[in-house]
Amino acid sequence: MIDSVLWVGALVVALLLTISRFARGIHKKAPESPQAPPEGVGATHAREAIKTALEQETEAIDKARKGDDPAGDLAALANMANEARQ
């Protein structure tokens, strides 16, 4: 008899806890998806500078290829790039 009363009491307590938990809205919520950070101003300026430098170098290479002395002009560009790296 006491054993069945304990089971009924445990069941009532479990039901009350479950009901109160859902009534307060403390159930486990799905985690929010991470938001991408806003793009920084420095990154935008750097990207623009890289694109500008690429366009200038491409134009210089095209001029060198179409000039009177393509081999010499391209060699001069390569030497300038080598000096800039050192």
Protein backbone atom coordinates (compact mmCIF):
# COMPACT_ATOMS: atom_id res chain seq x y z
CA MET A 1 0.00 0.00 0.00
CA ILE A 2 2.75 2.45 0.96
CA ASP A 3 4.65 1.50 -2.18
CA SER A 4 1.73 2.42 -4.46
CA VAL A 5 1.19 5.72 -2.59
CA LEU A 6 4.84 6.62 -3.18
CA TRP A 7 4.48 5.85 -6.90
CA VAL A 8 1.35 7.97 -7.15
CA GLY A 9 3.04 10.80 -5.24
CA ALA A 10 6.11 10.65 -7.50
CA LEU A 11 3.85 10.69 -10.56
CA VAL A 12 1.92 13.70 -9.28
CA VAL A 13 5.15 15.58 -8.52
CA ALA A 14 6.57 14.76 -11.97
CA LEU A 15 3.36 15.94 -13.65
CA LEU A 16 3.36 19.19 -11.67
CA LEU A 17 7.00 19.89 -12.52
CA THR A 18 6.41 19.19 -16.21
CA ILE A 19 3.32 21.39 -16.37
CA SER A 20 4.98 24.24 -14.50
CA ARG A 21 8.05 24.05 -16.73
CA PHE A 22 6.03 24.36 -19.93
CA ALA A 23 3.76 26.99 -18.40
CA ARG A 24 6.76 29.24 -17.67
CA GLY A 25 8.31 28.61 -21.08
CA ILE A 26 11.66 27.36 -19.83
CA HIS A 27 11.78 24.46 -22.24
CA LYS A 28 14.91 24.16 -24.33
CA LYS A 29 14.85 26.56 -27.26
CA ALA A 30 16.69 25.99 -30.51
CA PRO A 31 19.97 27.94 -30.64
CA GLU A 32 19.99 30.97 -32.88
CA SER A 33 22.08 30.75 -36.00
CA PRO A 34 25.21 32.89 -35.76
CA GLN A 35 25.05 36.22 -37.55
CA ALA A 36 27.85 37.33 -39.84
CA PRO A 37 29.74 40.28 -38.43
CA PRO A 38 29.34 43.56 -40.28
CA GLU A 39 32.01 44.22 -42.87
CA GLY A 40 34.66 46.57 -41.56
CA VAL A 41 35.67 49.79 -43.27
CA GLY A 42 39.32 48.71 -43.34
CA ALA A 43 38.46 45.58 -45.28
CA THR A 44 36.55 47.62 -47.86
CA HIS A 45 39.45 50.04 -48.33
CA ALA A 46 41.95 47.20 -48.60
CA ARG A 47 39.79 45.39 -51.16
CA GLU A 48 39.50 48.57 -53.26
CA ALA A 49 43.27 49.17 -53.06
CA ILE A 50 43.99 45.61 -54.18
CA LYS A 51 41.58 45.88 -57.12
CA THR A 52 43.11 49.21 -58.18
CA ALA A 53 46.65 47.84 -57.99
CA LEU A 54 45.62 44.76 -59.98
CA GLU A 55 44.07 46.90 -62.71
CA GLN A 56 47.18 49.10 -62.92
CA GLU A 57 49.52 46.12 -63.13
CA THR A 58 47.34 44.44 -65.74
CA GLU A 59 47.30 47.60 -67.85
CA ALA A 60 51.10 47.87 -67.56
CA ILE A 61 51.54 44.26 -68.69
CA ASP A 62 49.17 44.77 -71.64
CA LYS A 63 51.08 47.91 -72.71
CA ALA A 64 54.36 46.02 -72.43
CA ARG A 65 53.06 43.14 -74.56
CA LYS A 66 51.81 45.47 -77.28
CA GLY A 67 54.88 47.76 -77.36
CA ASP A 68 57.85 47.82 -79.72
CA ASP A 69 60.05 45.67 -77.46
CA PRO A 70 57.75 43.27 -75.56
CA ALA A 71 60.55 41.14 -74.12
CA GLY A 72 62.45 44.15 -72.81
CA ASP A 73 59.34 45.86 -71.43
CA LEU A 74 58.19 42.69 -69.64
CA ALA A 75 61.71 42.16 -68.27
CA ALA A 76 61.69 45.74 -66.94
CA LEU A 77 58.33 45.12 -65.24
CA ALA A 78 59.66 41.89 -63.74
CA ASN A 79 62.75 43.69 -62.43
CA MET A 80 60.58 46.41 -60.86
CA ALA A 81 58.39 43.78 -59.20
CA ASN A 82 61.47 41.94 -57.92
CA GLU A 83 62.88 45.14 -56.42
CA ALA A 84 59.54 45.93 -54.77
CA ARG A 85 59.54 42.51 -53.08
CA GLN A 86 63.01 42.91 -51.62
